[in-house]
Amino acid sequence: MNQATANPKEEIVNGVNVTQLFDTIGAVKEKPEIAKFKFKATNQWIKGGHNRTTIKEFYGACAEDTTRTEPFVLDADEPPILLGEDIGPNPVEYVLKALAGCMTTTMVYHAASRGIKIEEVESTLEGDLDLQGFLGIRKDVRKGYQNIKVSFKVKSDADTELLQQLAKNSPVFDIVSNPVPVTVTVEKK
């Protein structure tokens, strides 16, 4: 919804319908079970480093979502130097995309809820990864990112420290900053 089509009684800040946002917060406070969401993805290996993820259904607000008529299809691969065909970003690059998108959205939504106007947001992310861990060459080297640097450029009157704190409310920031239990099962076909 944009300001041109918004109900005149609704407040829109940063493209966010703050009226609906506060209505949602009130509904969650009143009925906490609607805050439980379950997101889903299915993935299929194609060949080499190429695999395809399909995302459509999710559960939220006490019901299965039926608003998506078509799934999102995301291809992942590896660059040639990592023996792939570069058909899509590799999975660790998708982590950077997820982190950038979530931190940006979080900053914008939380700023909107405080009446803080943001005109522009750009970010640059870099993740340092040492293949020695993934390849099993060194046990003392982590398999994933050793660190991730996120740099924002924001056009707003808000204090930079406040904007940084707002961005850190991001669920993906929490996921990559704290251990998350992951259960893995494998069945033979």
N, C-alpha and C. Protein backbone atom coordinates (compact mmCIF):
# COMPACT_ATOMS: atom_id res chain seq x y z
N MET A 1 0.85 -1.18 0.00
CA MET A 1 0.00 0.00 0.00
C MET A 1 0.89 1.23 0.00
N ASN A 2 0.62 2.20 -0.81
CA ASN A 2 1.37 3.45 -0.80
C ASN A 2 0.50 4.57 -0.24
N GLN A 3 1.12 5.72 -0.09
CA GLN A 3 0.36 6.82 0.52
C GLN A 3 -0.82 7.25 -0.34
N ALA A 4 -0.71 7.10 -1.65
CA ALA A 4 -1.80 7.52 -2.53
C ALA A 4 -3.05 6.66 -2.35
N THR A 5 -2.86 5.36 -2.01
CA THR A 5 -4.01 4.48 -1.86
C THR A 5 -4.35 4.18 -0.40
N ALA A 6 -3.61 4.73 0.52
CA ALA A 6 -3.85 4.47 1.93
C ALA A 6 -5.11 5.17 2.40
N ASN A 7 -5.74 4.56 3.38
CA ASN A 7 -6.88 5.18 4.05
C ASN A 7 -6.36 6.47 4.68
N PRO A 8 -7.05 7.60 4.53
CA PRO A 8 -6.56 8.86 5.08
C PRO A 8 -6.35 8.82 6.60
N LYS A 9 -7.01 7.88 7.27
CA LYS A 9 -6.86 7.77 8.72
C LYS A 9 -5.62 6.95 9.10
N GLU A 10 -4.99 6.32 8.10
CA GLU A 10 -3.83 5.49 8.37
C GLU A 10 -2.55 6.31 8.21
N GLU A 11 -1.60 6.08 9.11
CA GLU A 11 -0.33 6.78 9.05
C GLU A 11 0.69 5.90 8.32
N ILE A 12 1.32 6.49 7.30
CA ILE A 12 2.34 5.79 6.52
C ILE A 12 3.67 6.50 6.76
N VAL A 13 4.69 5.77 7.22
CA VAL A 13 6.04 6.31 7.40
C VAL A 13 7.00 5.33 6.75
N ASN A 14 7.86 5.84 5.89
CA ASN A 14 8.86 5.01 5.18
C ASN A 14 8.19 3.91 4.35
N GLY A 15 6.98 4.16 3.88
CA GLY A 15 6.27 3.15 3.12
C GLY A 15 5.64 2.07 3.97
N VAL A 16 5.71 2.23 5.29
CA VAL A 16 5.16 1.25 6.23
C VAL A 16 3.85 1.80 6.80
N ASN A 17 2.81 1.00 6.75
CA ASN A 17 1.54 1.39 7.34
C ASN A 17 1.65 1.22 8.85
N VAL A 18 2.01 2.31 9.51
CA VAL A 18 2.25 2.29 10.95
C VAL A 18 0.96 1.99 11.72
N THR A 19 -0.16 2.42 11.20
CA THR A 19 -1.45 2.13 11.84
C THR A 19 -1.65 0.62 11.90
N GLN A 20 -1.45 -0.06 10.77
CA GLN A 20 -1.59 -1.52 10.75
C GLN A 20 -0.51 -2.20 11.60
N LEU A 21 0.69 -1.64 11.59
CA LEU A 21 1.77 -2.20 12.42
C LEU A 21 1.38 -2.19 13.89
N PHE A 22 0.86 -1.06 14.38
CA PHE A 22 0.46 -0.99 15.78
C PHE A 22 -0.77 -1.85 16.06
N ASP A 23 -1.66 -1.97 15.08
CA ASP A 23 -2.80 -2.89 15.23
C ASP A 23 -2.30 -4.33 15.39
N THR A 24 -1.29 -4.69 14.60
CA THR A 24 -0.70 -6.03 14.68
C THR A 24 -0.04 -6.25 16.04
N ILE A 25 0.70 -5.26 16.50
CA ILE A 25 1.35 -5.37 17.82
C ILE A 25 0.30 -5.55 18.91
N GLY A 26 -0.77 -4.78 18.83
CA GLY A 26 -1.86 -4.91 19.81
C GLY A 26 -2.51 -6.28 19.76
N ALA A 27 -2.72 -6.80 18.55
CA ALA A 27 -3.33 -8.14 18.40
C ALA A 27 -2.42 -9.22 18.99
N VAL A 28 -1.13 -9.09 18.78
CA VAL A 28 -0.18 -10.08 19.31
C VAL A 28 -0.14 -10.01 20.84
N LYS A 29 -0.19 -8.81 21.39
CA LYS A 29 -0.22 -8.67 22.86
C LYS A 29 -1.47 -9.32 23.44
N GLU A 30 -2.57 -9.17 22.72
CA GLU A 30 -3.84 -9.72 23.18
C GLU A 30 -3.92 -11.24 23.00
N LYS A 31 -3.32 -11.74 21.95
CA LYS A 31 -3.40 -13.16 21.61
C LYS A 31 -2.01 -13.62 21.14
N PRO A 32 -1.07 -13.90 22.07
CA PRO A 32 0.32 -14.20 21.72
C PRO A 32 0.52 -15.37 20.75
N GLU A 33 -0.43 -16.30 20.70
CA GLU A 33 -0.25 -17.46 19.81
C GLU A 33 -0.22 -17.06 18.32
N ILE A 34 -0.75 -15.89 17.96
CA ILE A 34 -0.70 -15.48 16.56
C ILE A 34 0.69 -15.02 16.14
N ALA A 35 1.58 -14.89 17.09
CA ALA A 35 2.95 -14.49 16.79
C ALA A 35 3.81 -15.65 16.30
N LYS A 36 3.33 -16.87 16.41
CA LYS A 36 4.10 -18.05 16.02
C LYS A 36 4.02 -18.25 14.51
N PHE A 37 5.19 -18.27 13.87
CA PHE A 37 5.28 -18.48 12.43
C PHE A 37 6.19 -19.66 12.16
N LYS A 38 5.93 -20.35 11.07
CA LYS A 38 6.81 -21.43 10.60
C LYS A 38 7.00 -21.21 9.11
N PHE A 39 8.24 -20.90 8.73
CA PHE A 39 8.56 -20.71 7.33
C PHE A 39 9.14 -22.02 6.78
N LYS A 40 8.90 -22.27 5.49
CA LYS A 40 9.27 -23.55 4.91
C LYS A 40 9.99 -23.34 3.58
N ALA A 41 10.86 -24.26 3.27
CA ALA A 41 11.54 -24.26 1.98
C ALA A 41 11.79 -25.71 1.59
N THR A 42 11.69 -25.99 0.30
CA THR A 42 12.09 -27.31 -0.21
C THR A 42 13.24 -27.07 -1.17
N ASN A 43 14.13 -28.02 -1.23
CA ASN A 43 15.32 -27.86 -2.05
C ASN A 43 15.58 -29.14 -2.83
N GLN A 44 16.06 -28.98 -4.05
CA GLN A 44 16.41 -30.15 -4.86
C GLN A 44 17.75 -29.90 -5.53
N TRP A 45 18.62 -30.89 -5.42
CA TRP A 45 19.92 -30.84 -6.08
C TRP A 45 19.72 -31.05 -7.57
N ILE A 46 20.38 -30.25 -8.39
CA ILE A 46 20.31 -30.38 -9.84
C ILE A 46 21.54 -31.14 -10.34
N LYS A 47 22.74 -30.54 -10.17
CA LYS A 47 24.00 -31.21 -10.48
C LYS A 47 25.15 -30.36 -9.96
N GLY A 48 26.25 -31.00 -9.67
CA GLY A 48 27.41 -30.25 -9.17
C GLY A 48 27.03 -29.41 -7.97
N GLY A 49 27.34 -28.12 -8.01
CA GLY A 49 26.98 -27.22 -6.92
C GLY A 49 25.62 -26.58 -7.10
N HIS A 50 24.92 -26.92 -8.18
CA HIS A 50 23.63 -26.28 -8.49
C HIS A 50 22.49 -26.99 -7.77
N ASN A 51 21.72 -26.24 -7.03
CA ASN A 51 20.50 -26.75 -6.42
C ASN A 51 19.44 -25.65 -6.45
N ARG A 52 18.20 -26.05 -6.32
CA ARG A 52 17.07 -25.12 -6.47
C ARG A 52 16.17 -25.21 -5.25
N THR A 53 15.87 -24.05 -4.69
CA THR A 53 14.99 -23.96 -3.53
C THR A 53 13.67 -23.34 -3.96
N THR A 54 12.58 -23.93 -3.47
CA THR A 54 11.24 -23.42 -3.73
C THR A 54 10.62 -23.01 -2.40
N ILE A 55 10.07 -21.81 -2.38
CA ILE A 55 9.45 -21.28 -1.17
C ILE A 55 8.06 -20.80 -1.53
N LYS A 56 7.07 -21.30 -0.84
CA LYS A 56 5.70 -20.84 -1.09
C LYS A 56 4.90 -20.78 0.20
N GLU A 57 4.65 -21.93 0.80
CA GLU A 57 3.78 -21.97 1.98
C GLU A 57 4.52 -21.52 3.24
N PHE A 58 3.75 -20.94 4.14
CA PHE A 58 4.22 -20.71 5.50
C PHE A 58 3.00 -20.68 6.41
N TYR A 59 3.27 -20.88 7.69
CA TYR A 59 2.23 -20.86 8.70
C TYR A 59 2.43 -19.60 9.52
N GLY A 60 1.35 -18.85 9.77
CA GLY A 60 1.45 -17.66 10.60
C GLY A 60 0.08 -17.16 10.98
N ALA A 61 0.01 -16.47 12.09
CA ALA A 61 -1.26 -15.93 12.61
C ALA A 61 -2.31 -17.04 12.74
N CYS A 62 -1.87 -18.20 13.23
CA CYS A 62 -2.72 -19.36 13.52
C CYS A 62 -3.33 -20.01 12.29
N ALA A 63 -2.72 -19.86 11.12
CA ALA A 63 -3.27 -20.47 9.90
C ALA A 63 -2.19 -20.63 8.85
N GLU A 64 -2.43 -21.57 7.93
CA GLU A 64 -1.57 -21.69 6.76
C GLU A 64 -1.85 -20.51 5.85
N ASP A 65 -0.82 -19.89 5.33
CA ASP A 65 -0.99 -18.77 4.41
C ASP A 65 -1.40 -19.29 3.03
N THR A 66 -2.36 -18.63 2.41
CA THR A 66 -2.81 -19.04 1.07
C THR A 66 -2.74 -17.87 0.08
N THR A 67 -2.02 -16.82 0.43
CA THR A 67 -1.99 -15.63 -0.42
C THR A 67 -1.04 -15.78 -1.61
N ARG A 68 -0.05 -16.65 -1.50
CA ARG A 68 0.92 -16.81 -2.59
C ARG A 68 0.37 -17.79 -3.62
N THR A 69 0.20 -17.32 -4.82
CA THR A 69 -0.30 -18.20 -5.88
C THR A 69 0.84 -18.91 -6.60
N GLU A 70 2.02 -18.30 -6.62
CA GLU A 70 3.19 -18.88 -7.27
C GLU A 70 4.34 -18.95 -6.26
N PRO A 71 5.16 -19.99 -6.34
CA PRO A 71 6.30 -20.07 -5.43
C PRO A 71 7.44 -19.16 -5.86
N PHE A 72 8.28 -18.84 -4.92
CA PHE A 72 9.56 -18.19 -5.23
C PHE A 72 10.54 -19.32 -5.53
N VAL A 73 11.30 -19.19 -6.59
CA VAL A 73 12.27 -20.22 -6.97
C VAL A 73 13.64 -19.57 -6.97
N LEU A 74 14.54 -20.11 -6.16
CA LEU A 74 15.88 -19.54 -6.00
C LEU A 74 16.92 -20.59 -6.36
N ASP A 75 17.76 -20.27 -7.32
CA ASP A 75 18.84 -21.18 -7.71
C ASP A 75 20.11 -20.78 -6.98
N ALA A 76 20.83 -21.78 -6.52
CA ALA A 76 22.13 -21.58 -5.89
C ALA A 76 23.15 -22.42 -6.63
N ASP A 77 24.35 -21.94 -6.72
CA ASP A 77 25.43 -22.65 -7.37
C ASP A 77 26.74 -22.13 -6.77
N GLU A 78 27.82 -22.54 -7.32
CA GLU A 78 29.13 -22.07 -6.91
C GLU A 78 29.79 -21.39 -8.11
N PRO A 79 30.68 -20.43 -7.86
CA PRO A 79 31.42 -19.85 -8.98
C PRO A 79 32.40 -20.89 -9.54
N PRO A 80 32.88 -20.67 -10.77
CA PRO A 80 33.79 -21.65 -11.37
C PRO A 80 35.01 -21.98 -10.51
N ILE A 81 35.55 -21.00 -9.80
CA ILE A 81 36.72 -21.27 -8.97
C ILE A 81 36.41 -22.27 -7.86
N LEU A 82 35.11 -22.40 -7.52
CA LEU A 82 34.67 -23.39 -6.53
C LEU A 82 33.93 -24.55 -7.22
N LEU A 83 34.27 -24.77 -8.50
CA LEU A 83 33.84 -25.92 -9.29
C LEU A 83 32.37 -25.87 -9.71
N GLY A 84 31.76 -24.71 -9.69
CA GLY A 84 30.38 -24.58 -10.12
C GLY A 84 30.27 -23.93 -11.48
N GLU A 85 29.02 -23.68 -11.88
CA GLU A 85 28.75 -23.04 -13.17
C GLU A 85 28.20 -21.62 -13.00
N ASP A 86 28.16 -21.13 -11.76
CA ASP A 86 27.75 -19.75 -11.46
C ASP A 86 26.33 -19.44 -11.93
N ILE A 87 25.42 -20.40 -11.77
CA ILE A 87 24.03 -20.23 -12.19
C ILE A 87 23.27 -19.32 -11.22
N GLY A 88 23.74 -19.22 -10.00
CA GLY A 88 23.13 -18.36 -9.00
C GLY A 88 24.14 -18.09 -7.90
N PRO A 89 23.80 -17.21 -6.96
CA PRO A 89 24.69 -16.97 -5.82
C PRO A 89 24.92 -18.28 -5.06
N ASN A 90 26.05 -18.37 -4.39
CA ASN A 90 26.24 -19.58 -3.58
C ASN A 90 25.52 -19.41 -2.24
N PRO A 91 25.31 -20.48 -1.50
CA PRO A 91 24.53 -20.39 -0.27
C PRO A 91 25.05 -19.37 0.75
N VAL A 92 26.38 -19.23 0.87
CA VAL A 92 26.87 -18.25 1.85
C VAL A 92 26.61 -16.82 1.37
N GLU A 93 26.50 -16.61 0.05
CA GLU A 93 26.11 -15.30 -0.46
C GLU A 93 24.64 -15.03 -0.17
N TYR A 94 23.80 -16.08 -0.21
CA TYR A 94 22.39 -15.92 0.17
C TYR A 94 22.27 -15.52 1.63
N VAL A 95 23.18 -15.98 2.48
CA VAL A 95 23.17 -15.57 3.89
C VAL A 95 23.38 -14.05 3.97
N LEU A 96 24.33 -13.54 3.18
CA LEU A 96 24.57 -12.10 3.18
C LEU A 96 23.33 -11.35 2.68
N LYS A 97 22.68 -11.86 1.64
CA LYS A 97 21.45 -11.24 1.13
C LYS A 97 20.36 -11.24 2.19
N ALA A 98 20.20 -12.39 2.86
CA ALA A 98 19.18 -12.49 3.90
C ALA A 98 19.46 -11.50 5.03
N LEU A 99 20.72 -11.40 5.43
CA LEU A 99 21.10 -10.49 6.50
C LEU A 99 20.87 -9.04 6.08
N ALA A 100 21.29 -8.67 4.86
CA ALA A 100 21.10 -7.30 4.37
C ALA A 100 19.62 -6.95 4.30
N GLY A 101 18.83 -7.84 3.70
CA GLY A 101 17.40 -7.57 3.55
C GLY A 101 16.69 -7.45 4.88
N CYS A 102 17.01 -8.35 5.79
CA CYS A 102 16.32 -8.34 7.08
C CYS A 102 16.73 -7.14 7.94
N MET A 103 18.02 -6.82 7.97
CA MET A 103 18.46 -5.68 8.77
C MET A 103 17.89 -4.37 8.21
N THR A 104 17.82 -4.27 6.88
CA THR A 104 17.26 -3.06 6.26
C THR A 104 15.78 -2.93 6.59
N THR A 105 15.03 -4.01 6.36
CA THR A 105 13.59 -3.98 6.65
C THR A 105 13.34 -3.68 8.12
N THR A 106 14.12 -4.31 8.98
CA THR A 106 13.97 -4.10 10.43
C THR A 106 14.23 -2.65 10.80
N MET A 107 15.31 -2.07 10.26
CA MET A 107 15.62 -0.67 10.55
C MET A 107 14.47 0.22 10.10
N VAL A 108 13.98 0.01 8.89
CA VAL A 108 12.92 0.84 8.32
C VAL A 108 11.63 0.70 9.13
N TYR A 109 11.23 -0.53 9.46
CA TYR A 109 9.99 -0.75 10.21
C TYR A 109 10.08 -0.16 11.63
N HIS A 110 11.19 -0.43 12.30
CA HIS A 110 11.32 0.10 13.67
C HIS A 110 11.42 1.62 13.66
N ALA A 111 12.09 2.18 12.66
CA ALA A 111 12.14 3.64 12.56
C ALA A 111 10.73 4.19 12.32
N ALA A 112 10.00 3.55 11.41
CA ALA A 112 8.63 4.00 11.12
C ALA A 112 7.77 3.98 12.38
N SER A 113 7.93 2.94 13.18
CA SER A 113 7.11 2.83 14.40
C SER A 113 7.42 3.94 15.40
N ARG A 114 8.59 4.55 15.26
CA ARG A 114 8.97 5.66 16.15
C ARG A 114 8.78 7.02 15.47
N GLY A 115 8.23 7.00 14.25
CA GLY A 115 8.01 8.25 13.52
C GLY A 115 9.28 8.80 12.89
N ILE A 116 10.33 7.99 12.80
CA ILE A 116 11.60 8.42 12.21
C ILE A 116 11.53 8.20 10.70
N LYS A 117 11.73 9.27 9.96
CA LYS A 117 11.70 9.17 8.50
C LYS A 117 13.08 8.78 7.97
N ILE A 118 13.07 7.84 7.03
CA ILE A 118 14.29 7.41 6.34
C ILE A 118 14.07 7.64 4.85
N GLU A 119 15.01 8.32 4.21
CA GLU A 119 14.89 8.59 2.78
C GLU A 119 15.61 7.54 1.93
N GLU A 120 16.75 7.06 2.39
CA GLU A 120 17.53 6.08 1.63
C GLU A 120 18.28 5.18 2.58
N VAL A 121 18.45 3.91 2.16
CA VAL A 121 19.28 2.96 2.90
C VAL A 121 20.05 2.14 1.87
N GLU A 122 21.34 2.09 2.04
CA GLU A 122 22.21 1.23 1.25
C GLU A 122 23.09 0.46 2.23
N SER A 123 23.46 -0.74 1.86
CA SER A 123 24.36 -1.49 2.72
C SER A 123 25.35 -2.29 1.88
N THR A 124 26.48 -2.53 2.49
CA THR A 124 27.52 -3.37 1.90
C THR A 124 27.86 -4.41 2.95
N LEU A 125 27.90 -5.67 2.52
CA LEU A 125 28.21 -6.76 3.44
C LEU A 125 29.40 -7.54 2.92
N GLU A 126 30.27 -7.94 3.82
CA GLU A 126 31.41 -8.78 3.49
C GLU A 126 31.51 -9.87 4.54
N GLY A 127 31.69 -11.10 4.07
CA GLY A 127 31.88 -12.22 4.97
C GLY A 127 33.19 -12.91 4.68
N ASP A 128 33.99 -13.11 5.70
CA ASP A 128 35.28 -13.79 5.55
C ASP A 128 35.11 -15.27 5.83
N LEU A 129 35.51 -16.09 4.87
CA LEU A 129 35.37 -17.53 4.97
C LEU A 129 36.69 -18.19 4.56
N ASP A 130 37.15 -19.14 5.33
CA ASP A 130 38.38 -19.88 5.05
C ASP A 130 38.00 -21.31 4.69
N LEU A 131 38.24 -21.72 3.45
CA LEU A 131 37.84 -23.04 2.97
C LEU A 131 38.52 -24.19 3.71
N GLN A 132 39.58 -23.90 4.44
CA GLN A 132 40.27 -24.98 5.16
C GLN A 132 39.35 -25.69 6.15
N GLY A 133 38.40 -24.96 6.72
CA GLY A 133 37.44 -25.58 7.64
C GLY A 133 36.47 -26.47 6.89
N PHE A 134 35.84 -25.95 5.83
CA PHE A 134 34.89 -26.70 5.02
C PHE A 134 35.54 -27.95 4.40
N LEU A 135 36.76 -27.81 3.93
CA LEU A 135 37.45 -28.93 3.29
C LEU A 135 38.02 -29.94 4.27
N GLY A 136 37.92 -29.65 5.57
CA GLY A 136 38.41 -30.59 6.58
C GLY A 136 39.93 -30.60 6.71
N ILE A 137 40.58 -29.59 6.19
CA ILE A 137 42.04 -29.51 6.26
C ILE A 137 42.50 -29.11 7.65
N ARG A 138 41.75 -28.18 8.27
CA ARG A 138 42.10 -27.73 9.62
C ARG A 138 40.86 -27.76 10.50
N LYS A 139 40.97 -28.46 11.60
CA LYS A 139 39.84 -28.58 12.55
C LYS A 139 39.63 -27.29 13.34
N ASP A 140 40.67 -26.46 13.45
CA ASP A 140 40.57 -25.23 14.23
C ASP A 140 40.01 -24.06 13.43
N VAL A 141 39.63 -24.30 12.18
CA VAL A 141 39.06 -23.25 11.34
C VAL A 141 37.57 -23.53 11.16
N ARG A 142 36.78 -22.54 11.45
CA ARG A 142 35.33 -22.67 11.33
C ARG A 142 34.95 -22.96 9.87
N LYS A 143 33.90 -23.76 9.66
CA LYS A 143 33.43 -24.10 8.31
C LYS A 143 32.71 -22.94 7.64
N GLY A 144 32.07 -22.12 8.42
CA GLY A 144 31.31 -20.98 7.89
C GLY A 144 32.08 -19.69 8.03
N TYR A 145 31.34 -18.59 7.97
CA TYR A 145 31.97 -17.28 8.09
C TYR A 145 32.70 -17.13 9.42
N GLN A 146 33.91 -16.57 9.35
CA GLN A 146 34.63 -16.21 10.58
C GLN A 146 34.08 -14.90 11.13
N ASN A 147 33.68 -14.01 10.24
CA ASN A 147 33.05 -12.76 10.65
C ASN A 147 32.32 -12.17 9.46
N ILE A 148 31.38 -11.31 9.75
CA ILE A 148 30.62 -10.60 8.73
C ILE A 148 30.64 -9.12 9.10
N LYS A 149 30.94 -8.30 8.11
CA LYS A 149 30.93 -6.85 8.30
C LYS A 149 29.74 -6.27 7.53
N VAL A 150 28.93 -5.49 8.22
CA VAL A 150 27.77 -4.83 7.61
C VAL A 150 27.99 -3.33 7.74
N SER A 151 27.93 -2.64 6.61
CA SER A 151 28.11 -1.19 6.61
C SER A 151 26.89 -0.56 5.95
N PHE A 152 26.22 0.32 6.69
CA PHE A 152 25.03 1.02 6.19
C PHE A 152 25.37 2.46 5.85
N LYS A 153 24.72 2.96 4.81
CA LYS A 153 24.67 4.39 4.51
C LYS A 153 23.19 4.74 4.53
N VAL A 154 22.80 5.62 5.45
CA VAL A 154 21.39 5.94 5.64
C VAL A 154 21.18 7.44 5.56
N LYS A 155 20.19 7.85 4.77
CA LYS A 155 19.81 9.25 4.71
C LYS A 155 18.60 9.44 5.61
N SER A 156 18.85 10.05 6.77
CA SER A 156 17.82 10.24 7.79
C SER A 156 18.32 11.27 8.79
N ASP A 157 17.40 11.91 9.48
CA ASP A 157 17.79 12.83 10.55
C ASP A 157 18.10 12.09 11.85
N ALA A 158 17.81 10.80 11.89
CA ALA A 158 18.00 10.02 13.12
C ALA A 158 19.48 9.83 13.41
N ASP A 159 19.79 9.66 14.67
CA ASP A 159 21.14 9.41 15.14
C ASP A 159 21.63 8.05 14.60
N THR A 160 22.89 7.99 14.18
CA THR A 160 23.42 6.75 13.60
C THR A 160 23.43 5.59 14.60
N GLU A 161 23.70 5.87 15.86
CA GLU A 161 23.69 4.81 16.87
C GLU A 161 22.29 4.22 17.04
N LEU A 162 21.27 5.06 16.99
CA LEU A 162 19.89 4.58 17.09
C LEU A 162 19.55 3.71 15.88
N LEU A 163 19.91 4.17 14.68
CA LEU A 163 19.64 3.39 13.47
C LEU A 163 20.34 2.03 13.53
N GLN A 164 21.56 2.01 14.04
CA GLN A 164 22.30 0.75 14.19
C GLN A 164 21.56 -0.19 15.15
N GLN A 165 21.10 0.34 16.25
CA GLN A 165 20.36 -0.48 17.22
C GLN A 165 19.05 -0.99 16.62
N LEU A 166 18.36 -0.15 15.86
CA LEU A 166 17.12 -0.59 15.22
C LEU A 166 17.39 -1.75 14.26
N ALA A 167 18.45 -1.64 13.47
CA ALA A 167 18.81 -2.70 12.51
C ALA A 167 19.13 -4.01 13.21
N LYS A 168 19.72 -3.92 14.40
CA LYS A 168 20.11 -5.13 15.14
C LYS A 168 18.92 -5.87 15.74
N ASN A 169 17.71 -5.33 15.61
CA ASN A 169 16.51 -6.07 16.03
C ASN A 169 16.15 -7.14 15.01
N SER A 170 16.88 -7.24 13.93
CA SER A 170 16.62 -8.15 12.83
C SER A 170 16.66 -9.62 13.26
N PRO A 171 15.62 -10.40 12.87
CA PRO A 171 15.66 -11.84 13.15
C PRO A 171 16.86 -12.54 12.51
N VAL A 172 17.25 -12.14 11.28
CA VAL A 172 18.39 -12.80 10.65
C VAL A 172 19.69 -12.41 11.36
N PHE A 173 19.80 -11.17 11.82
CA PHE A 173 20.96 -10.78 12.63
C PHE A 173 21.05 -11.69 13.86
N ASP A 174 19.91 -11.95 14.49
CA ASP A 174 19.90 -12.84 15.65
C ASP A 174 20.32 -14.26 15.25
N ILE A 175 19.82 -14.74 14.11
CA ILE A 175 20.14 -16.09 13.65
C ILE A 175 21.65 -16.26 13.42
N VAL A 176 22.28 -15.28 12.76
CA VAL A 176 23.70 -15.43 12.46
C VAL A 176 24.60 -15.05 13.63
N SER A 177 24.07 -14.35 14.61
CA SER A 177 24.86 -13.93 15.76
C SER A 177 24.80 -14.89 16.94
N ASN A 178 23.81 -15.78 16.96
CA ASN A 178 23.60 -16.69 18.08
C ASN A 178 23.38 -18.11 17.55
N PRO A 179 23.85 -19.10 18.29
CA PRO A 179 23.61 -20.47 17.84
C PRO A 179 22.11 -20.79 17.79
N VAL A 180 21.71 -21.47 16.73
CA VAL A 180 20.33 -21.90 16.55
C VAL A 180 20.34 -23.43 16.46
N PRO A 181 19.54 -24.11 17.27
CA PRO A 181 19.50 -25.57 17.15
C PRO A 181 18.98 -25.97 15.76
N VAL A 182 19.71 -26.85 15.10
CA VAL A 182 19.32 -27.34 13.78
C VAL A 182 19.28 -28.86 13.85
N THR A 183 18.15 -29.44 13.53
CA THR A 183 17.99 -30.88 13.51
C THR A 183 18.12 -31.36 12.07
N VAL A 184 18.97 -32.34 11.83
CA VAL A 184 19.18 -32.86 10.48
C VAL A 184 18.82 -34.34 10.47
N THR A 185 17.95 -34.74 9.54
CA THR A 185 17.65 -36.16 9.34
C THR A 185 17.89 -36.49 7.87
N VAL A 186 18.26 -37.72 7.60
CA VAL A 186 18.46 -38.18 6.23
C VAL A 186 17.73 -39.50 6.07
N GLU A 187 16.92 -39.61 5.02
CA GLU A 187 16.24 -40.86 4.69
C GLU A 187 16.73 -41.31 3.33
N LYS A 188 16.83 -42.60 3.13
CA LYS A 188 17.20 -43.12 1.81
C LYS A 188 15.93 -43.28 0.99
N LYS A 189 16.02 -42.97 -0.31
CA LYS A 189 14.87 -43.13 -1.23
C LYS A 189 14.81 -44.56 -1.70
